[in-house]
Amino acid sequence: MAGDLTVDEVQAELDAATPEQPADFSGHDLRYLDLSGMDLSGANLAGANLSEARLENTCLEGASLIGTNLDHAWLAGADLSNANVSGATLRQTQLSGARLAAADFTQADLSDATFADATMADADFTGALIQGTDFAGAERSGTRGLNVPESDVSSTG
């Protein structure tokens, strides 16, 4: 079952966006869409449903993903630098090799997600659920709220 917007409609909204009026997809159902490689920087995706969406190598720098459903989404190689992902759900989400510098994951559900080889400098994980989350090889300098020893390849709680 598809979401309420098509890939072409998402691209049209992005084309019409300006720095003063960024694209607004808040609350939209974007499940299963392949948005790989798109530039969603600064976009408002708060409360959107992006479960099982493909966002591989997508730029989400500075985007608002507050309370967004990203369960089972594919964000390998994506750029979420300075994005606000607080309160979002990213259960079993693939973020291998993602760039997450200064991203805000406070109170997010990251259960069983994969952050292998991600760059997470200065990201905030305060209050995030990290049961079974894989941080193998992730660069974690300056992260806050992430109480997983560097020697652990995954978190057990």
C-alpha atoms as a PDB file:
ATOM      1  CA  MET A   1       0.000   0.000   0.000  1.00  0.00           C
ATOM      2  CA  ALA A   2       1.439   3.350  -1.049  1.00  0.00           C
ATOM      3  CA  GLY A   3       1.450   6.572   0.928  1.00  0.00           C
ATOM      4  CA  ASP A   4      -0.550   9.702   0.188  1.00  0.00           C
ATOM      5  CA  LEU A   5       2.153  11.291  -2.003  1.00  0.00           C
ATOM      6  CA  THR A   6       4.076   9.939  -4.975  1.00  0.00           C
ATOM      7  CA  VAL A   7       7.802  10.379  -5.573  1.00  0.00           C
ATOM      8  CA  ASP A   8       6.978  12.886  -8.345  1.00  0.00           C
ATOM      9  CA  GLU A   9       4.791  14.924  -5.952  1.00  0.00           C
ATOM     10  CA  VAL A  10       7.585  14.941  -3.355  1.00  0.00           C
ATOM     11  CA  GLN A  11      10.060  16.136  -6.010  1.00  0.00           C
ATOM     12  CA  ALA A  12       7.649  18.878  -7.163  1.00  0.00           C
ATOM     13  CA  GLU A  13       7.330  20.146  -3.575  1.00  0.00           C
ATOM     14  CA  LEU A  14      11.122  20.125  -3.223  1.00  0.00           C
ATOM     15  CA  ASP A  15      11.518  22.021  -6.512  1.00  0.00           C
ATOM     16  CA  ALA A  16       9.104  24.704  -5.283  1.00  0.00           C
ATOM     17  CA  ALA A  17      10.779  25.047  -1.862  1.00  0.00           C
ATOM     18  CA  THR A  18      12.995  27.989  -0.931  1.00  0.00           C
ATOM     19  CA  PRO A  19      15.261  28.560   2.081  1.00  0.00           C
ATOM     20  CA  GLU A  20      12.583  30.877   3.475  1.00  0.00           C
ATOM     21  CA  GLN A  21       9.779  28.372   2.718  1.00  0.00           C
ATOM     22  CA  PRO A  22      11.227  24.847   2.999  1.00  0.00           C
ATOM     23  CA  ALA A  23       9.325  21.794   1.792  1.00  0.00           C
ATOM     24  CA  ASP A  24       6.635  20.675   4.245  1.00  0.00           C
ATOM     25  CA  PHE A  25       5.732  17.000   4.418  1.00  0.00           C
ATOM     26  CA  SER A  26       4.678  17.048   8.076  1.00  0.00           C
ATOM     27  CA  GLY A  27       2.086  14.408   8.892  1.00  0.00           C
ATOM     28  CA  HIS A  28       2.166  12.882   5.392  1.00  0.00           C
ATOM     29  CA  ASP A  29       2.122   9.160   4.707  1.00  0.00           C
ATOM     30  CA  LEU A  30       5.315   8.500   2.737  1.00  0.00           C
ATOM     31  CA  ARG A  31       5.558   4.777   3.481  1.00  0.00           C
ATOM     32  CA  TYR A  32       7.450   2.601   1.002  1.00  0.00           C
ATOM     33  CA  LEU A  33       8.565   5.525  -1.201  1.00  0.00           C
ATOM     34  CA  ASP A  34      12.039   5.428  -2.732  1.00  0.00           C
ATOM     35  CA  LEU A  35      13.442   8.900  -2.017  1.00  0.00           C
ATOM     36  CA  SER A  36      17.062   7.789  -2.400  1.00  0.00           C
ATOM     37  CA  GLY A  37      19.484  10.529  -3.380  1.00  0.00           C
ATOM     38  CA  MET A  38      16.958  13.359  -2.956  1.00  0.00           C
ATOM     39  CA  ASP A  39      17.832  16.644  -1.254  1.00  0.00           C
ATOM     40  CA  LEU A  40      15.402  16.994   1.661  1.00  0.00           C
ATOM     41  CA  SER A  41      17.673  19.343   3.598  1.00  0.00           C
ATOM     42  CA  GLY A  42      15.702  21.644   5.874  1.00  0.00           C
ATOM     43  CA  ALA A  43      12.417  19.901   5.045  1.00  0.00           C
ATOM     44  CA  ASN A  44       9.682  19.548   7.648  1.00  0.00           C
ATOM     45  CA  LEU A  45       8.901  15.842   8.020  1.00  0.00           C
ATOM     46  CA  ALA A  46       7.614  16.065  11.603  1.00  0.00           C
ATOM     47  CA  GLY A  47       5.053  13.374  12.323  1.00  0.00           C
ATOM     48  CA  ALA A  48       5.355  11.874   8.838  1.00  0.00           C
ATOM     49  CA  ASN A  49       5.223   8.139   8.235  1.00  0.00           C
ATOM     50  CA  LEU A  50       8.378   7.057   6.412  1.00  0.00           C
ATOM     51  CA  SER A  51       8.268   3.441   7.544  1.00  0.00           C
ATOM     52  CA  GLU A  52       9.963   1.110   5.076  1.00  0.00           C
ATOM     53  CA  ALA A  53      10.944   4.069   2.872  1.00  0.00           C
ATOM     54  CA  ARG A  54      14.254   4.049   1.009  1.00  0.00           C
ATOM     55  CA  LEU A  55      16.325   7.127   1.792  1.00  0.00           C
ATOM     56  CA  GLU A  56      19.746   5.816   0.807  1.00  0.00           C
ATOM     57  CA  ASN A  57      22.260   8.654   0.315  1.00  0.00           C
ATOM     58  CA  THR A  58      19.462  11.189   0.873  1.00  0.00           C
ATOM     59  CA  CYS A  59      20.348  14.618   2.257  1.00  0.00           C
ATOM     60  CA  LEU A  60      18.234  15.373   5.333  1.00  0.00           C
ATOM     61  CA  GLU A  61      20.651  17.924   6.766  1.00  0.00           C
ATOM     62  CA  GLY A  62      18.833  20.234   9.189  1.00  0.00           C
ATOM     63  CA  ALA A  63      15.502  18.517   8.534  1.00  0.00           C
ATOM     64  CA  SER A  64      12.768  18.267  11.173  1.00  0.00           C
ATOM     65  CA  LEU A  65      11.918  14.619  11.772  1.00  0.00           C
ATOM     66  CA  ILE A  66      10.332  15.146  15.197  1.00  0.00           C
ATOM     67  CA  GLY A  67       8.040  12.235  16.014  1.00  0.00           C
ATOM     68  CA  THR A  68       8.502  10.737  12.539  1.00  0.00           C
ATOM     69  CA  ASN A  69       7.989   7.008  11.968  1.00  0.00           C
ATOM     70  CA  LEU A  70      11.141   5.678  10.289  1.00  0.00           C
ATOM     71  CA  ASP A  71      10.686   2.034  11.328  1.00  0.00           C
ATOM     72  CA  HIS A  72      12.386  -0.394   8.919  1.00  0.00           C
ATOM     73  CA  ALA A  73      13.521   2.528   6.716  1.00  0.00           C
ATOM     74  CA  TRP A  74      16.766   2.369   4.755  1.00  0.00           C
ATOM     75  CA  LEU A  75      18.982   5.427   5.404  1.00  0.00           C
ATOM     76  CA  ALA A  76      22.400   3.949   4.592  1.00  0.00           C
ATOM     77  CA  GLY A  77      24.780   6.740   3.631  1.00  0.00           C
ATOM     78  CA  ALA A  78      22.167   9.429   4.348  1.00  0.00           C
ATOM     79  CA  ASP A  79      23.151  12.840   5.746  1.00  0.00           C
ATOM     80  CA  LEU A  80      21.156  13.748   8.860  1.00  0.00           C
ATOM     81  CA  SER A  81      23.662  16.283  10.166  1.00  0.00           C
ATOM     82  CA  ASN A  82      21.949  18.833  12.419  1.00  0.00           C
ATOM     83  CA  ALA A  83      18.589  17.081  11.904  1.00  0.00           C
ATOM     84  CA  ASN A  84      16.051  16.969  14.731  1.00  0.00           C
ATOM     85  CA  VAL A  85      14.955  13.347  15.068  1.00  0.00           C
ATOM     86  CA  SER A  86      13.732  13.674  18.656  1.00  0.00           C
ATOM     87  CA  GLY A  87      10.872  11.418  19.650  1.00  0.00           C
ATOM     88  CA  ALA A  88      11.006   9.573  16.323  1.00  0.00           C
ATOM     89  CA  THR A  89      10.835   5.797  15.947  1.00  0.00           C
ATOM     90  CA  LEU A  90      13.653   4.139  14.027  1.00  0.00           C
ATOM     91  CA  ARG A  91      13.112   0.506  15.007  1.00  0.00           C
ATOM     92  CA  GLN A  92      15.169  -1.846  12.826  1.00  0.00           C
ATOM     93  CA  THR A  93      16.243   1.096  10.680  1.00  0.00           C
ATOM     94  CA  GLN A  94      19.420   0.874   8.606  1.00  0.00           C
ATOM     95  CA  LEU A  95      21.745   3.880   9.113  1.00  0.00           C
ATOM     96  CA  SER A  96      25.075   2.274   8.154  1.00  0.00           C
ATOM     97  CA  GLY A  97      27.589   4.859   7.018  1.00  0.00           C
ATOM     98  CA  ALA A  98      25.162   7.716   7.700  1.00  0.00           C
ATOM     99  CA  ARG A  99      26.418  11.190   8.612  1.00  0.00           C
ATOM    100  CA  LEU A 100      24.730  12.212  11.853  1.00  0.00           C
ATOM    101  CA  ALA A 101      26.923  15.052  13.168  1.00  0.00           C
ATOM    102  CA  ALA A 102      25.077  17.117  15.798  1.00  0.00           C
ATOM    103  CA  ALA A 103      21.785  15.297  15.106  1.00  0.00           C
ATOM    104  CA  ASP A 104      19.217  15.265  17.929  1.00  0.00           C
ATOM    105  CA  PHE A 105      17.956  11.755  18.722  1.00  0.00           C
ATOM    106  CA  THR A 106      16.630  12.598  22.200  1.00  0.00           C
ATOM    107  CA  GLN A 107      13.808  10.306  23.312  1.00  0.00           C
ATOM    108  CA  ALA A 108      13.921   8.437  19.966  1.00  0.00           C
ATOM    109  CA  ASP A 109      13.277   4.691  19.762  1.00  0.00           C
ATOM    110  CA  LEU A 110      16.367   3.232  18.059  1.00  0.00           C
ATOM    111  CA  SER A 111      15.683  -0.389  19.036  1.00  0.00           C
ATOM    112  CA  ASP A 112      17.521  -2.880  16.812  1.00  0.00           C
ATOM    113  CA  ALA A 113      18.659  -0.118  14.429  1.00  0.00           C
ATOM    114  CA  THR A 114      22.054  -0.311  12.709  1.00  0.00           C
ATOM    115  CA  PHE A 115      24.455   2.643  12.997  1.00  0.00           C
ATOM    116  CA  ALA A 116      27.508   0.648  11.846  1.00  0.00           C
ATOM    117  CA  ASP A 117      30.299   2.895  10.538  1.00  0.00           C
ATOM    118  CA  ALA A 118      28.131   6.003  10.967  1.00  0.00           C
ATOM    119  CA  THR A 119      29.690   9.378  11.787  1.00  0.00           C
ATOM    120  CA  MET A 120      27.882  10.605  14.906  1.00  0.00           C
ATOM    121  CA  ALA A 121      30.121  13.365  16.309  1.00  0.00           C
ATOM    122  CA  ASP A 122      28.268  15.593  18.785  1.00  0.00           C
ATOM    123  CA  ALA A 123      24.918  13.811  18.266  1.00  0.00           C
ATOM    124  CA  ASP A 124      22.542  13.767  21.252  1.00  0.00           C
ATOM    125  CA  PHE A 125      21.025  10.414  22.252  1.00  0.00           C
ATOM    126  CA  THR A 126      19.724  11.501  25.670  1.00  0.00           C
ATOM    127  CA  GLY A 127      16.806   9.291  26.697  1.00  0.00           C
ATOM    128  CA  ALA A 128      16.881   7.282  23.459  1.00  0.00           C
ATOM    129  CA  LEU A 129      15.953   3.590  23.528  1.00  0.00           C
ATOM    130  CA  ILE A 130      18.923   1.613  22.211  1.00  0.00           C
ATOM    131  CA  GLN A 131      17.960  -2.007  22.928  1.00  0.00           C
ATOM    132  CA  GLY A 132      19.849  -4.193  20.437  1.00  0.00           C
ATOM    133  CA  THR A 133      21.178  -1.200  18.472  1.00  0.00           C
ATOM    134  CA  ASP A 134      24.377  -1.817  16.493  1.00  0.00           C
ATOM    135  CA  PHE A 135      27.040   0.928  16.744  1.00  0.00           C
ATOM    136  CA  ALA A 136      29.944  -1.180  15.386  1.00  0.00           C
ATOM    137  CA  GLY A 137      32.647   1.038  13.918  1.00  0.00           C
ATOM    138  CA  ALA A 138      30.632   4.217  14.457  1.00  0.00           C
ATOM    139  CA  GLU A 139      32.571   7.412  15.132  1.00  0.00           C
ATOM    140  CA  ARG A 140      31.063   8.667  18.412  1.00  0.00           C
ATOM    141  CA  SER A 141      33.223  11.557  19.603  1.00  0.00           C
ATOM    142  CA  GLY A 142      31.304  14.108  21.621  1.00  0.00           C
ATOM    143  CA  THR A 143      28.033  12.168  21.599  1.00  0.00           C
ATOM    144  CA  ARG A 144      25.717  12.733  24.559  1.00  0.00           C
ATOM    145  CA  GLY A 145      23.433  10.217  26.245  1.00  0.00           C
ATOM    146  CA  LEU A 146      24.984   7.188  24.568  1.00  0.00           C
ATOM    147  CA  ASN A 147      26.126   4.899  27.356  1.00  0.00           C
ATOM    148  CA  VAL A 148      27.589   2.123  25.237  1.00  0.00           C
ATOM    149  CA  PRO A 149      31.273   1.276  25.770  1.00  0.00           C
ATOM    150  CA  GLU A 150      33.458   1.767  22.688  1.00  0.00           C
ATOM    151  CA  SER A 151      34.298  -1.954  22.847  1.00  0.00           C
ATOM    152  CA  ASP A 152      30.633  -2.959  22.408  1.00  0.00           C
ATOM    153  CA  VAL A 153      29.518  -3.566  18.853  1.00  0.00           C
ATOM    154  CA  SER A 154      25.883  -3.509  19.843  1.00  0.00           C
ATOM    155  CA  SER A 155      23.813  -2.410  22.793  1.00  0.00           C
ATOM    156  CA  THR A 156      21.778  -4.791  24.865  1.00  0.00           C
ATOM    157  CA  GLY A 157      19.869  -2.212  26.773  1.00  0.00           C
END
